[in-house]
């Protein structure tokens, strides 16, 4: 089971790096480089068994708060052309933060369950 989570964490690290790289044309790319960079670094640290429980929980909280704050006033889906572009962009960003939060929660759960033994 440890091998599965190690491979999963390396995979998420690569996906977060890729997600960050795709933010080059976003109006606020630096923010998203930091967000996805932190998630990638945490994933790498988890795979190497160096991620402390407190850091996984802190990132979880930050990502949940960010997802809540960034959620649009009116959800109009994720597809361009399906509504106001600002609402769609906010829903996408919020969902990305929520995905990061869930992954950090999974890391915290695995660390708490004795991942380091």
N, C-alpha and C. Protein backbone atom coordinates (compact mmCIF):
# COMPACT_ATOMS: atom_id res chain seq x y z
N UNK A 1 0.82 -1.19 0.00
CA UNK A 1 0.00 0.00 0.00
C UNK A 1 0.86 1.26 0.00
N UNK A 2 2.01 1.20 0.69
CA UNK A 2 2.91 2.35 0.70
C UNK A 2 3.37 2.70 -0.71
N UNK A 3 3.66 1.70 -1.51
CA UNK A 3 4.12 1.94 -2.88
C UNK A 3 3.04 2.64 -3.69
N UNK A 4 1.80 2.24 -3.50
CA UNK A 4 0.69 2.87 -4.21
C UNK A 4 0.63 4.37 -3.90
N UNK A 5 0.67 4.72 -2.62
CA UNK A 5 0.58 6.13 -2.23
C UNK A 5 1.83 6.91 -2.65
N UNK A 6 2.97 6.27 -2.67
CA UNK A 6 4.19 6.93 -3.13
C UNK A 6 4.07 7.27 -4.62
N UNK A 7 3.63 6.33 -5.41
CA UNK A 7 3.44 6.57 -6.85
C UNK A 7 2.37 7.63 -7.07
N UNK A 8 1.28 7.55 -6.30
CA UNK A 8 0.20 8.53 -6.40
C UNK A 8 0.72 9.93 -6.09
N UNK A 9 1.52 10.05 -5.06
CA UNK A 9 2.06 11.36 -4.67
C UNK A 9 3.00 11.91 -5.73
N UNK A 10 3.85 11.07 -6.30
CA UNK A 10 4.72 11.53 -7.39
C UNK A 10 3.87 11.96 -8.58
N UNK A 11 2.80 11.22 -8.86
CA UNK A 11 1.90 11.59 -9.96
C UNK A 11 1.22 12.92 -9.71
N UNK A 12 0.73 13.13 -8.48
CA UNK A 12 0.11 14.41 -8.16
C UNK A 12 1.12 15.55 -8.21
N UNK A 13 2.34 15.28 -7.82
CA UNK A 13 3.37 16.31 -7.91
C UNK A 13 3.56 16.76 -9.36
N UNK A 14 3.63 15.80 -10.27
CA UNK A 14 3.77 16.13 -11.69
C UNK A 14 2.53 16.87 -12.21
N UNK A 15 1.35 16.43 -11.79
CA UNK A 15 0.12 17.10 -12.24
C UNK A 15 0.02 18.53 -11.72
N UNK A 16 0.44 18.75 -10.48
CA UNK A 16 0.41 20.11 -9.94
C UNK A 16 1.41 21.01 -10.65
N UNK A 17 2.56 20.48 -10.99
CA UNK A 17 3.52 21.27 -11.76
C UNK A 17 2.93 21.64 -13.11
N UNK A 18 2.29 20.68 -13.75
CA UNK A 18 1.66 20.92 -15.05
C UNK A 18 0.54 21.95 -14.91
N UNK A 19 -0.30 21.82 -13.87
CA UNK A 19 -1.38 22.78 -13.66
C UNK A 19 -0.83 24.19 -13.44
N UNK A 20 0.26 24.29 -12.70
CA UNK A 20 0.88 25.60 -12.50
C UNK A 20 1.42 26.18 -13.80
N UNK A 21 2.04 25.34 -14.61
CA UNK A 21 2.59 25.80 -15.89
C UNK A 21 1.50 26.31 -16.81
N UNK A 22 0.32 25.76 -16.73
CA UNK A 22 -0.79 26.19 -17.59
C UNK A 22 -1.35 27.55 -17.19
N UNK A 23 -0.91 28.10 -16.08
CA UNK A 23 -1.44 29.38 -15.59
C UNK A 23 -0.72 30.59 -16.18
N UNK A 24 0.18 30.37 -17.14
CA UNK A 24 0.98 31.47 -17.67
C UNK A 24 0.14 32.60 -18.27
N UNK A 25 -1.04 32.30 -18.79
CA UNK A 25 -1.88 33.34 -19.40
C UNK A 25 -3.02 33.79 -18.49
N UNK A 26 -2.99 33.36 -17.23
CA UNK A 26 -4.01 33.77 -16.27
C UNK A 26 -3.74 35.22 -15.85
N UNK A 27 -4.78 35.96 -15.48
CA UNK A 27 -4.56 37.35 -15.03
C UNK A 27 -3.67 37.46 -13.79
N UNK A 28 -3.63 36.42 -12.97
CA UNK A 28 -2.80 36.43 -11.76
C UNK A 28 -1.97 35.14 -11.70
N UNK A 29 -1.03 34.96 -12.63
CA UNK A 29 -0.30 33.69 -12.70
C UNK A 29 0.60 33.43 -11.49
N UNK A 30 1.16 34.46 -10.89
CA UNK A 30 2.07 34.27 -9.77
C UNK A 30 1.34 33.59 -8.61
N UNK A 31 0.12 34.01 -8.33
CA UNK A 31 -0.67 33.39 -7.27
C UNK A 31 -0.83 31.90 -7.52
N UNK A 32 -1.15 31.53 -8.75
CA UNK A 32 -1.39 30.12 -9.06
C UNK A 32 -0.10 29.33 -9.15
N UNK A 33 1.00 29.98 -9.51
CA UNK A 33 2.30 29.29 -9.45
C UNK A 33 2.60 28.91 -8.00
N UNK A 34 2.31 29.83 -7.08
CA UNK A 34 2.56 29.57 -5.66
C UNK A 34 1.62 28.47 -5.15
N UNK A 35 0.35 28.56 -5.50
CA UNK A 35 -0.64 27.57 -5.03
C UNK A 35 -0.26 26.17 -5.52
N UNK A 36 -0.11 26.02 -6.82
CA UNK A 36 0.19 24.69 -7.36
C UNK A 36 1.62 24.26 -7.05
N UNK A 37 2.52 25.23 -6.89
CA UNK A 37 3.88 24.90 -6.48
C UNK A 37 3.91 24.34 -5.06
N UNK A 38 3.12 24.93 -4.16
CA UNK A 38 3.05 24.43 -2.79
C UNK A 38 2.44 23.03 -2.76
N UNK A 39 1.42 22.81 -3.58
CA UNK A 39 0.80 21.48 -3.64
C UNK A 39 1.78 20.46 -4.22
N UNK A 40 2.54 20.86 -5.24
CA UNK A 40 3.53 19.96 -5.84
C UNK A 40 4.63 19.63 -4.84
N UNK A 41 5.11 20.64 -4.13
CA UNK A 41 6.17 20.43 -3.14
C UNK A 41 5.67 19.52 -2.01
N UNK A 42 4.45 19.75 -1.54
CA UNK A 42 3.89 18.91 -0.49
C UNK A 42 3.75 17.46 -0.98
N UNK A 43 3.35 17.30 -2.23
CA UNK A 43 3.22 15.94 -2.80
C UNK A 43 4.57 15.26 -2.87
N UNK A 44 5.58 16.00 -3.29
CA UNK A 44 6.93 15.44 -3.36
C UNK A 44 7.43 15.08 -1.96
N UNK A 45 7.21 15.96 -1.01
CA UNK A 45 7.62 15.68 0.37
C UNK A 45 6.89 14.46 0.93
N UNK A 46 5.60 14.32 0.60
CA UNK A 46 4.85 13.16 1.06
C UNK A 46 5.43 11.88 0.46
N UNK A 47 5.73 11.91 -0.83
CA UNK A 47 6.29 10.72 -1.49
C UNK A 47 7.62 10.32 -0.87
N UNK A 48 8.38 11.31 -0.42
CA UNK A 48 9.68 11.05 0.20
C UNK A 48 9.58 10.86 1.72
N UNK A 49 8.35 10.83 2.24
CA UNK A 49 8.07 10.67 3.67
C UNK A 49 8.69 11.77 4.52
N UNK A 50 8.65 12.99 4.00
CA UNK A 50 9.20 14.16 4.71
C UNK A 50 8.13 15.20 5.03
N UNK A 51 6.87 14.95 4.67
CA UNK A 51 5.81 15.92 4.91
C UNK A 51 5.30 15.79 6.34
N UNK A 52 5.43 16.86 7.15
CA UNK A 52 4.89 16.79 8.51
C UNK A 52 3.37 16.89 8.51
N UNK A 53 2.75 16.27 9.48
CA UNK A 53 1.30 16.29 9.59
C UNK A 53 0.78 17.72 9.67
N UNK A 54 1.43 18.57 10.45
CA UNK A 54 0.97 19.94 10.62
C UNK A 54 0.95 20.69 9.29
N UNK A 55 1.91 20.42 8.41
CA UNK A 55 1.96 21.12 7.12
C UNK A 55 0.83 20.65 6.20
N UNK A 56 0.57 19.36 6.20
CA UNK A 56 -0.54 18.85 5.39
C UNK A 56 -1.86 19.45 5.86
N UNK A 57 -2.05 19.52 7.18
CA UNK A 57 -3.29 20.10 7.71
C UNK A 57 -3.38 21.60 7.46
N UNK A 58 -2.25 22.30 7.57
CA UNK A 58 -2.24 23.74 7.31
C UNK A 58 -2.60 24.02 5.84
N UNK A 59 -1.99 23.26 4.92
CA UNK A 59 -2.31 23.45 3.51
C UNK A 59 -3.76 23.10 3.22
N UNK A 60 -4.26 22.04 3.86
CA UNK A 60 -5.67 21.69 3.71
C UNK A 60 -6.55 22.88 4.09
N UNK A 61 -6.29 23.47 5.24
CA UNK A 61 -7.10 24.61 5.70
C UNK A 61 -6.99 25.80 4.76
N UNK A 62 -5.79 26.11 4.32
CA UNK A 62 -5.59 27.24 3.41
C UNK A 62 -6.34 27.01 2.10
N UNK A 63 -6.25 25.80 1.56
CA UNK A 63 -6.92 25.50 0.30
C UNK A 63 -8.44 25.52 0.44
N UNK A 64 -8.97 25.03 1.57
CA UNK A 64 -10.42 25.06 1.79
C UNK A 64 -10.90 26.51 1.91
N UNK A 65 -10.19 27.31 2.67
CA UNK A 65 -10.57 28.72 2.81
C UNK A 65 -10.51 29.42 1.46
N UNK A 66 -9.45 29.16 0.69
CA UNK A 66 -9.33 29.75 -0.64
C UNK A 66 -10.46 29.33 -1.56
N UNK A 67 -10.84 28.06 -1.51
CA UNK A 67 -11.94 27.57 -2.34
C UNK A 67 -13.25 28.25 -1.96
N UNK A 68 -13.47 28.42 -0.67
CA UNK A 68 -14.69 29.07 -0.20
C UNK A 68 -14.73 30.54 -0.62
N UNK A 69 -13.62 31.23 -0.43
CA UNK A 69 -13.56 32.66 -0.76
C UNK A 69 -13.69 32.89 -2.26
N UNK A 70 -13.11 32.00 -3.05
CA UNK A 70 -13.09 32.17 -4.50
C UNK A 70 -14.34 31.66 -5.20
N UNK A 71 -15.22 30.97 -4.47
CA UNK A 71 -16.43 30.42 -5.11
C UNK A 71 -17.28 31.56 -5.66
N UNK A 72 -17.79 31.43 -6.90
CA UNK A 72 -18.56 32.52 -7.50
C UNK A 72 -19.91 32.72 -6.81
N UNK A 73 -20.44 33.93 -6.92
CA UNK A 73 -21.75 34.24 -6.35
C UNK A 73 -22.83 33.38 -7.00
N UNK A 74 -22.65 33.10 -8.30
CA UNK A 74 -23.60 32.26 -9.02
C UNK A 74 -22.82 31.24 -9.83
N UNK A 75 -23.00 29.97 -9.53
CA UNK A 75 -22.31 28.91 -10.26
C UNK A 75 -22.97 28.73 -11.63
N UNK A 76 -22.15 28.83 -12.69
CA UNK A 76 -22.66 28.70 -14.06
C UNK A 76 -21.94 27.61 -14.82
N UNK A 77 -21.31 26.69 -14.12
CA UNK A 77 -20.64 25.59 -14.78
C UNK A 77 -19.17 25.88 -15.02
N UNK A 78 -18.57 25.03 -15.85
CA UNK A 78 -17.13 25.14 -16.14
C UNK A 78 -16.83 25.42 -17.61
N UNK A 79 -17.83 25.32 -18.48
CA UNK A 79 -17.62 25.47 -19.91
C UNK A 79 -17.70 26.92 -20.34
N UNK A 80 -16.73 27.33 -21.15
CA UNK A 80 -16.75 28.67 -21.74
C UNK A 80 -17.97 28.77 -22.64
N UNK A 81 -18.67 29.88 -22.54
CA UNK A 81 -19.87 30.08 -23.34
C UNK A 81 -21.13 29.65 -22.60
N UNK A 82 -20.96 29.08 -21.42
CA UNK A 82 -22.11 28.62 -20.64
C UNK A 82 -22.63 29.67 -19.67
N UNK A 83 -22.02 30.83 -19.65
CA UNK A 83 -22.43 31.88 -18.72
C UNK A 83 -21.37 32.95 -18.66
N UNK A 84 -21.41 33.74 -17.60
CA UNK A 84 -20.45 34.82 -17.39
C UNK A 84 -19.06 34.22 -17.19
N UNK A 85 -18.10 34.67 -17.98
CA UNK A 85 -16.74 34.11 -17.95
C UNK A 85 -16.11 34.26 -16.58
N UNK A 86 -16.42 35.35 -15.87
CA UNK A 86 -15.84 35.55 -14.53
C UNK A 86 -16.35 34.47 -13.56
N UNK A 87 -17.64 34.17 -13.60
CA UNK A 87 -18.19 33.12 -12.74
C UNK A 87 -17.59 31.76 -13.09
N UNK A 88 -17.43 31.50 -14.35
CA UNK A 88 -16.86 30.22 -14.79
C UNK A 88 -15.41 30.10 -14.33
N UNK A 89 -14.64 31.17 -14.49
CA UNK A 89 -13.24 31.16 -14.07
C UNK A 89 -13.13 30.99 -12.56
N UNK A 90 -13.98 31.65 -11.81
CA UNK A 90 -13.95 31.51 -10.35
C UNK A 90 -14.32 30.10 -9.92
N UNK A 91 -15.29 29.50 -10.60
CA UNK A 91 -15.67 28.11 -10.28
C UNK A 91 -14.51 27.16 -10.57
N UNK A 92 -13.81 27.38 -11.66
CA UNK A 92 -12.66 26.53 -12.00
C UNK A 92 -11.55 26.68 -10.96
N UNK A 93 -11.25 27.92 -10.61
CA UNK A 93 -10.20 28.16 -9.62
C UNK A 93 -10.57 27.56 -8.27
N UNK A 94 -11.80 27.75 -7.87
CA UNK A 94 -12.27 27.22 -6.59
C UNK A 94 -12.22 25.69 -6.58
N UNK A 95 -12.59 25.09 -7.67
CA UNK A 95 -12.55 23.63 -7.77
C UNK A 95 -11.12 23.11 -7.73
N UNK A 96 -10.19 23.83 -8.34
CA UNK A 96 -8.78 23.45 -8.27
C UNK A 96 -8.26 23.50 -6.84
N UNK A 97 -8.66 24.54 -6.11
CA UNK A 97 -8.26 24.65 -4.71
C UNK A 97 -8.89 23.54 -3.87
N UNK A 98 -10.13 23.20 -4.18
CA UNK A 98 -10.80 22.12 -3.45
C UNK A 98 -10.12 20.78 -3.71
N UNK A 99 -9.70 20.55 -4.94
CA UNK A 99 -8.96 19.33 -5.26
C UNK A 99 -7.65 19.28 -4.48
N UNK A 100 -6.93 20.40 -4.43
CA UNK A 100 -5.69 20.47 -3.64
C UNK A 100 -5.98 20.16 -2.18
N UNK A 101 -7.07 20.72 -1.65
CA UNK A 101 -7.43 20.49 -0.24
C UNK A 101 -7.71 19.02 0.02
N UNK A 102 -8.44 18.37 -0.86
CA UNK A 102 -8.76 16.96 -0.66
C UNK A 102 -7.50 16.09 -0.70
N UNK A 103 -6.58 16.43 -1.55
CA UNK A 103 -5.33 15.66 -1.62
C UNK A 103 -4.51 15.88 -0.36
N UNK A 104 -4.47 17.11 0.15
CA UNK A 104 -3.75 17.36 1.40
C UNK A 104 -4.40 16.62 2.56
N UNK A 105 -5.73 16.52 2.55
CA UNK A 105 -6.43 15.78 3.58
C UNK A 105 -6.07 14.29 3.50
N UNK A 106 -5.97 13.76 2.29
CA UNK A 106 -5.56 12.37 2.12
C UNK A 106 -4.15 12.16 2.65
N UNK A 107 -3.24 13.10 2.37
CA UNK A 107 -1.88 12.99 2.89
C UNK A 107 -1.88 13.01 4.42
N UNK A 108 -2.66 13.93 5.00
CA UNK A 108 -2.73 14.02 6.46
C UNK A 108 -3.26 12.72 7.04
N UNK A 109 -4.26 12.16 6.42
CA UNK A 109 -4.84 10.89 6.89
C UNK A 109 -3.80 9.77 6.84
N UNK A 110 -3.04 9.71 5.76
CA UNK A 110 -2.03 8.65 5.63
C UNK A 110 -0.88 8.86 6.63
N UNK A 111 -0.49 10.11 6.84
CA UNK A 111 0.57 10.39 7.81
C UNK A 111 0.08 9.97 9.21
N UNK A 112 -1.14 10.35 9.52
CA UNK A 112 -1.71 10.04 10.84
C UNK A 112 -1.86 8.52 11.03
N UNK A 113 -2.12 7.81 9.94
CA UNK A 113 -2.32 6.36 10.01
C UNK A 113 -1.01 5.59 10.07
N UNK A 114 0.11 6.30 10.10
CA UNK A 114 1.39 5.61 10.25
C UNK A 114 2.16 5.43 8.97
N UNK A 115 1.99 6.31 8.02
CA UNK A 115 2.72 6.26 6.75
C UNK A 115 4.22 6.19 6.94
N UNK A 116 4.73 6.77 8.01
CA UNK A 116 6.18 6.86 8.20
C UNK A 116 6.78 5.63 8.84
N UNK A 117 6.01 4.70 9.28
CA UNK A 117 6.54 3.52 9.99
C UNK A 117 7.34 2.62 9.09
